[in-house]
C-alpha atoms as a PDB file:
ATOM      1  CA  UNK A   1      81.755  83.775  82.850  1.00  0.00           C
ATOM      2  CA  UNK A   2      84.499  85.550  84.763  1.00  0.00           C
ATOM      3  CA  UNK A   3      87.800  84.993  86.562  1.00  0.00           C
ATOM      4  CA  UNK A   4      88.201  84.700  90.307  1.00  0.00           C
ATOM      5  CA  UNK A   5      90.753  87.153  91.733  1.00  0.00           C
ATOM      6  CA  UNK A   6      90.773  86.007  95.362  1.00  0.00           C
ATOM      7  CA  UNK A   7      94.252  84.540  94.836  1.00  0.00           C
ATOM      8  CA  UNK A   8      96.756  84.454  91.975  1.00  0.00           C
ATOM      9  CA  UNK A   9      95.450  81.091  90.660  1.00  0.00           C
ATOM     10  CA  UNK A  10      92.765  82.909  88.583  1.00  0.00           C
ATOM     11  CA  UNK A  11      90.219  80.104  88.461  1.00  0.00           C
ATOM     12  CA  UNK A  12      87.430  80.232  85.908  1.00  0.00           C
ATOM     13  CA  UNK A  13      84.226  81.393  87.564  1.00  0.00           C
ATOM     14  CA  UNK A  14      80.592  81.377  86.480  1.00  0.00           C
ATOM     15  CA  UNK A  15      78.387  84.035  88.037  1.00  0.00           C
ATOM     16  CA  UNK A  16      74.757  83.064  88.579  1.00  0.00           C
ATOM     17  CA  UNK A  17      72.582  86.184  88.638  1.00  0.00           C
ATOM     18  CA  UNK A  18      69.081  87.515  88.198  1.00  0.00           C
ATOM     19  CA  UNK A  19      67.803  90.666  86.531  1.00  0.00           C
ATOM     20  CA  UNK A  20      66.216  93.125  88.962  1.00  0.00           C
ATOM     21  CA  UNK A  21      64.657  96.528  88.257  1.00  0.00           C
ATOM     22  CA  UNK A  22      66.105  99.189  90.580  1.00  0.00           C
ATOM     23  CA  UNK A  23      65.167 102.848  90.040  1.00  0.00           C
ATOM     24  CA  UNK A  24      63.618 101.977  86.662  1.00  0.00           C
ATOM     25  CA  UNK A  25      66.889 100.357  85.493  1.00  0.00           C
ATOM     26  CA  UNK A  26      67.620  96.709  84.848  1.00  0.00           C
ATOM     27  CA  UNK A  27      70.391  95.621  87.197  1.00  0.00           C
ATOM     28  CA  UNK A  28      72.147  92.269  87.169  1.00  0.00           C
ATOM     29  CA  UNK A  29      72.361  90.939  90.732  1.00  0.00           C
ATOM     30  CA  UNK A  30      74.898  88.130  91.302  1.00  0.00           C
ATOM     31  CA  UNK A  31      73.627  85.482  93.727  1.00  0.00           C
ATOM     32  CA  UNK A  32      76.021  82.506  93.345  1.00  0.00           C
ATOM     33  CA  UNK A  33      79.598  81.930  92.220  1.00  0.00           C
ATOM     34  CA  UNK A  34      80.673  78.552  90.854  1.00  0.00           C
ATOM     35  CA  UNK A  35      83.699  77.151  89.080  1.00  0.00           C
ATOM     36  CA  UNK A  36      83.527  77.028  85.292  1.00  0.00           C
ATOM     37  CA  UNK A  37      83.391  73.483  83.923  1.00  0.00           C
ATOM     38  CA  UNK A  38      86.176  72.776  81.462  1.00  0.00           C
ATOM     39  CA  UNK A  39      88.319  75.725  82.588  1.00  0.00           C
ATOM     40  CA  UNK A  40      92.020  74.750  82.348  1.00  0.00           C
ATOM     41  CA  UNK A  41      92.854  75.877  85.894  1.00  0.00           C
ATOM     42  CA  UNK A  42      89.964  74.602  88.006  1.00  0.00           C
ATOM     43  CA  UNK A  43      87.629  72.588  85.726  1.00  0.00           C
ATOM     44  CA  UNK A  44      84.426  73.452  87.574  1.00  0.00           C
ATOM     45  CA  UNK A  45      85.795  73.699  91.102  1.00  0.00           C
ATOM     46  CA  UNK A  46      85.963  76.860  93.184  1.00  0.00           C
ATOM     47  CA  UNK A  47      87.551  77.085  96.616  1.00  0.00           C
ATOM     48  CA  UNK A  48      85.861  78.584  99.650  1.00  0.00           C
ATOM     49  CA  UNK A  49      87.589  81.945  99.172  1.00  0.00           C
ATOM     50  CA  UNK A  50      86.229  82.191  95.642  1.00  0.00           C
ATOM     51  CA  UNK A  51      82.733  81.112  96.625  1.00  0.00           C
ATOM     52  CA  UNK A  52      82.552  83.470  99.594  1.00  0.00           C
ATOM     53  CA  UNK A  53      83.888  86.506  97.723  1.00  0.00           C
ATOM     54  CA  UNK A  54      80.304  87.353  96.784  1.00  0.00           C
ATOM     55  CA  UNK A  55      79.623  88.306 100.413  1.00  0.00           C
ATOM     56  CA  UNK A  56      81.670  91.503  99.998  1.00  0.00           C
ATOM     57  CA  UNK A  57      79.221  92.705  97.354  1.00  0.00           C
ATOM     58  CA  UNK A  58      76.272  92.484  99.739  1.00  0.00           C
ATOM     59  CA  UNK A  59      78.003  93.214 103.054  1.00  0.00           C
ATOM     60  CA  UNK A  60      75.895  95.769 104.945  1.00  0.00           C
ATOM     61  CA  UNK A  61      78.953  97.816 105.942  1.00  0.00           C
ATOM     62  CA  UNK A  62      80.597  97.997 102.525  1.00  0.00           C
ATOM     63  CA  UNK A  63      81.335 101.454 101.158  1.00  0.00           C
ATOM     64  CA  UNK A  64      78.638 102.299  98.609  1.00  0.00           C
ATOM     65  CA  UNK A  65      79.485 105.922  97.820  1.00  0.00           C
ATOM     66  CA  UNK A  66      82.372 108.385  98.230  1.00  0.00           C
ATOM     67  CA  UNK A  67      83.132 109.436 101.775  1.00  0.00           C
ATOM     68  CA  UNK A  68      85.295 112.122 103.338  1.00  0.00           C
ATOM     69  CA  UNK A  69      86.246 112.808 106.939  1.00  0.00           C
ATOM     70  CA  UNK A  70      84.701 115.875 108.542  1.00  0.00           C
ATOM     71  CA  UNK A  71      86.571 118.127 111.001  1.00  0.00           C
ATOM     72  CA  UNK A  72      85.709 115.720 113.814  1.00  0.00           C
ATOM     73  CA  UNK A  73      87.254 112.767 111.940  1.00  0.00           C
ATOM     74  CA  UNK A  74      83.946 111.069 111.139  1.00  0.00           C
ATOM     75  CA  UNK A  75      83.151 109.878 107.629  1.00  0.00           C
ATOM     76  CA  UNK A  76      80.480 111.792 105.732  1.00  0.00           C
ATOM     77  CA  UNK A  77      78.865 110.882 102.421  1.00  0.00           C
ATOM     78  CA  UNK A  78      79.701 113.150  99.459  1.00  0.00           C
ATOM     79  CA  UNK A  79      78.638 113.100  95.811  1.00  0.00           C
ATOM     80  CA  UNK A  80      80.740 111.581  93.035  1.00  0.00           C
ATOM     81  CA  UNK A  81      81.246 115.095  91.637  1.00  0.00           C
ATOM     82  CA  UNK A  82      82.595 116.332  94.969  1.00  0.00           C
ATOM     83  CA  UNK A  83      84.895 113.308  95.247  1.00  0.00           C
ATOM     84  CA  UNK A  84      86.219 113.812  91.713  1.00  0.00           C
ATOM     85  CA  UNK A  85      86.895 117.500  92.410  1.00  0.00           C
ATOM     86  CA  UNK A  86      88.690 116.739  95.704  1.00  0.00           C
ATOM     87  CA  UNK A  87      90.928 114.198  93.961  1.00  0.00           C
ATOM     88  CA  UNK A  88      91.800 116.401  90.982  1.00  0.00           C
ATOM     89  CA  UNK A  89      92.363 119.435  93.229  1.00  0.00           C
ATOM     90  CA  UNK A  90      94.710 117.433  95.470  1.00  0.00           C
ATOM     91  CA  UNK A  91      96.625 116.091  92.449  1.00  0.00           C
ATOM     92  CA  UNK A  92      96.935 119.593  90.981  1.00  0.00           C
ATOM     93  CA  UNK A  93      98.140 120.995  94.306  1.00  0.00           C
ATOM     94  CA  UNK A  94     100.811 118.323  94.695  1.00  0.00           C
ATOM     95  CA  UNK A  95     102.033 118.988  91.141  1.00  0.00           C
ATOM     96  CA  UNK A  96     102.317 122.708  91.954  1.00  0.00           C
ATOM     97  CA  UNK A  97     104.474 121.747  94.939  1.00  0.00           C
ATOM     98  CA  UNK A  98     106.743 119.716  92.643  1.00  0.00           C
ATOM     99  CA  UNK A  99     105.616 116.352  94.006  1.00  0.00           C
ATOM    100  CA  UNK A 100     105.164 113.250  91.908  1.00  0.00           C
ATOM    101  CA  UNK A 101     101.732 111.618  91.862  1.00  0.00           C
ATOM    102  CA  UNK A 102     101.686 107.818  91.709  1.00  0.00           C
ATOM    103  CA  UNK A 103      99.118 105.062  91.331  1.00  0.00           C
ATOM    104  CA  UNK A 104      99.482 101.775  93.221  1.00  0.00           C
ATOM    105  CA  UNK A 105      97.132  98.817  92.961  1.00  0.00           C
ATOM    106  CA  UNK A 106      96.926  95.116  93.426  1.00  0.00           C
ATOM    107  CA  UNK A 107      97.321  92.800  90.459  1.00  0.00           C
ATOM    108  CA  UNK A 108      95.163  93.684  87.453  1.00  0.00           C
ATOM    109  CA  UNK A 109      94.801  92.153  84.014  1.00  0.00           C
ATOM    110  CA  UNK A 110      92.867  92.712  80.814  1.00  0.00           C
ATOM    111  CA  UNK A 111      90.345  95.522  80.615  1.00  0.00           C
ATOM    112  CA  UNK A 112      90.820  96.677  84.206  1.00  0.00           C
ATOM    113  CA  UNK A 113      94.549  97.058  83.592  1.00  0.00           C
ATOM    114  CA  UNK A 114      93.862  99.049  80.411  1.00  0.00           C
ATOM    115  CA  UNK A 115      91.423 101.321  82.285  1.00  0.00           C
ATOM    116  CA  UNK A 116      94.063 101.893  84.993  1.00  0.00           C
ATOM    117  CA  UNK A 117      96.599 102.821  82.283  1.00  0.00           C
ATOM    118  CA  UNK A 118      94.184 105.330  80.739  1.00  0.00           C
ATOM    119  CA  UNK A 119      93.373 106.747  84.179  1.00  0.00           C
ATOM    120  CA  UNK A 120      97.079 107.264  84.911  1.00  0.00           C
ATOM    121  CA  UNK A 121      97.707 108.862  81.501  1.00  0.00           C
ATOM    122  CA  UNK A 122      94.763 111.269  81.838  1.00  0.00           C
ATOM    123  CA  UNK A 123      95.744 112.379  85.340  1.00  0.00           C
ATOM    124  CA  UNK A 124      99.521 112.305  84.714  1.00  0.00           C
ATOM    125  CA  UNK A 125     100.151 109.630  87.333  1.00  0.00           C
ATOM    126  CA  UNK A 126     103.124 107.298  87.420  1.00  0.00           C
ATOM    127  CA  UNK A 127     101.788 103.755  87.591  1.00  0.00           C
ATOM    128  CA  UNK A 128     103.914 101.821  90.074  1.00  0.00           C
ATOM    129  CA  UNK A 129     104.470  98.066  89.796  1.00  0.00           C
ATOM    130  CA  UNK A 130     101.486  96.191  91.161  1.00  0.00           C
ATOM    131  CA  UNK A 131     101.635  94.385  94.461  1.00  0.00           C
ATOM    132  CA  UNK A 132     100.293  90.902  95.127  1.00  0.00           C
ATOM    133  CA  UNK A 133      98.495  90.449  98.472  1.00  0.00           C
ATOM    134  CA  UNK A 134      99.278  86.728  98.239  1.00  0.00           C
ATOM    135  CA  UNK A 135     102.769  86.884  96.800  1.00  0.00           C
ATOM    136  CA  UNK A 136     104.667  83.968  95.352  1.00  0.00           C
ATOM    137  CA  UNK A 137     107.825  86.023  94.807  1.00  0.00           C
ATOM    138  CA  UNK A 138     109.907  83.721  97.020  1.00  0.00           C
ATOM    139  CA  UNK A 139     108.765  80.652  95.057  1.00  0.00           C
ATOM    140  CA  UNK A 140     109.584  82.413  91.790  1.00  0.00           C
ATOM    141  CA  UNK A 141     113.033  83.401  93.094  1.00  0.00           C
ATOM    142  CA  UNK A 142     113.793  79.882  94.349  1.00  0.00           C
ATOM    143  CA  UNK A 143     112.765  78.431  90.982  1.00  0.00           C
ATOM    144  CA  UNK A 144     115.097  80.928  89.251  1.00  0.00           C
ATOM    145  CA  UNK A 145     118.018  79.960  91.512  1.00  0.00           C
ATOM    146  CA  UNK A 146     117.457  76.208  91.238  1.00  0.00           C
ATOM    147  CA  UNK A 147     116.253  75.795  87.659  1.00  0.00           C
ATOM    148  CA  UNK A 148     117.056  79.137  85.972  1.00  0.00           C
ATOM    149  CA  UNK A 149     113.346  79.732  85.322  1.00  0.00           C
ATOM    150  CA  UNK A 150     111.865  82.951  86.703  1.00  0.00           C
ATOM    151  CA  UNK A 151     108.327  81.597  87.049  1.00  0.00           C
ATOM    152  CA  UNK A 152     105.962  79.985  89.483  1.00  0.00           C
ATOM    153  CA  UNK A 153     106.052  76.245  88.829  1.00  0.00           C
ATOM    154  CA  UNK A 154     102.868  74.289  88.245  1.00  0.00           C
ATOM    155  CA  UNK A 155     103.008  70.783  89.647  1.00  0.00           C
ATOM    156  CA  UNK A 156     101.506  67.858  87.742  1.00  0.00           C
ATOM    157  CA  UNK A 157     100.266  66.070  90.858  1.00  0.00           C
ATOM    158  CA  UNK A 158      97.854  63.868  88.918  1.00  0.00           C
ATOM    159  CA  UNK A 159     100.731  62.139  87.143  1.00  0.00           C
ATOM    160  CA  UNK A 160     103.260  62.133  89.979  1.00  0.00           C
ATOM    161  CA  UNK A 161     104.549  58.859  91.390  1.00  0.00           C
ATOM    162  CA  UNK A 162     105.461  60.496  94.696  1.00  0.00           C
ATOM    163  CA  UNK A 163     104.451  63.761  96.372  1.00  0.00           C
ATOM    164  CA  UNK A 164     106.405  65.351  99.220  1.00  0.00           C
ATOM    165  CA  UNK A 165     105.651  68.852 100.441  1.00  0.00           C
ATOM    166  CA  UNK A 166     107.534  70.778 103.091  1.00  0.00           C
ATOM    167  CA  UNK A 167     105.101  73.317 104.504  1.00  0.00           C
ATOM    168  CA  UNK A 168     103.052  73.711 101.323  1.00  0.00           C
ATOM    169  CA  UNK A 169      99.337  72.981 101.721  1.00  0.00           C
ATOM    170  CA  UNK A 170      98.830  72.022  98.072  1.00  0.00           C
ATOM    171  CA  UNK A 171      95.113  71.300  98.433  1.00  0.00           C
ATOM    172  CA  UNK A 172      94.362  74.138 100.829  1.00  0.00           C
ATOM    173  CA  UNK A 173      96.114  77.387  99.935  1.00  0.00           C
ATOM    174  CA  UNK A 174      99.197  76.734  97.803  1.00  0.00           C
ATOM    175  CA  UNK A 175      99.370  78.331  94.305  1.00  0.00           C
ATOM    176  CA  UNK A 176      96.317  76.665  92.722  1.00  0.00           C
ATOM    177  CA  UNK A 177      94.470  74.707  95.422  1.00  0.00           C
ATOM    178  CA  UNK A 178      91.410  73.781  93.341  1.00  0.00           C
ATOM    179  CA  UNK A 179      93.509  72.384  90.503  1.00  0.00           C
ATOM    180  CA  UNK A 180      95.862  70.582  92.888  1.00  0.00           C
ATOM    181  CA  UNK A 181      92.933  69.171  94.875  1.00  0.00           C
ATOM    182  CA  UNK A 182      91.369  67.747  91.706  1.00  0.00           C
ATOM    183  CA  UNK A 183      94.707  66.281  90.617  1.00  0.00           C
ATOM    184  CA  UNK A 184      95.254  64.756  94.061  1.00  0.00           C
ATOM    185  CA  UNK A 185      91.806  63.118  93.926  1.00  0.00           C
ATOM    186  CA  UNK A 186      92.599  61.707  90.470  1.00  0.00           C
ATOM    187  CA  UNK A 187      95.923  60.360  91.718  1.00  0.00           C
ATOM    188  CA  UNK A 188      94.163  58.618  94.615  1.00  0.00           C
ATOM    189  CA  UNK A 189      91.699  56.984  92.190  1.00  0.00           C
ATOM    190  CA  UNK A 190      94.642  55.561  90.228  1.00  0.00           C
ATOM    191  CA  UNK A 191      95.952  53.924  93.427  1.00  0.00           C
ATOM    192  CA  UNK A 192      92.605  52.313  94.249  1.00  0.00           C
END
């Protein structure tokens, strides 16, 4: 069981995998992603972005080890030890020059967020506010202005008598498309 992070909806996800021996080690190899039945956000559904996110893991051109540019500008493979040393040396040098070192990432939660905090503490980095690649800041701001609630609203489409959207693809990409799609289907069944 896991959580999809392809968008801010955070659908429940079940990872189907098999155990494979690689270099005399047991390695879990994910092969299929599905929605988690009974999850409060998506109840077993998973959109195409969530399902296809597994392709990044096995993409032939994905970065599998640290790389650094050579003098000609081409990437060359280096060891993890070399990469660690380059990073710590660069951080130390910038501190000597009186510069501030910062850490910026996309949205994290749970254990990954705790690991990022520890990383920043150990290396004396200022952790900047996280950015959201798919940001709902304008929705949050509008909700604050209109209803004095600084949050992203969740629409109860399944129990709505009338649904009007102006530019929001509620079953395609808007906020929680899997949940909204399921609710829309339930609403249509009620009309039948």
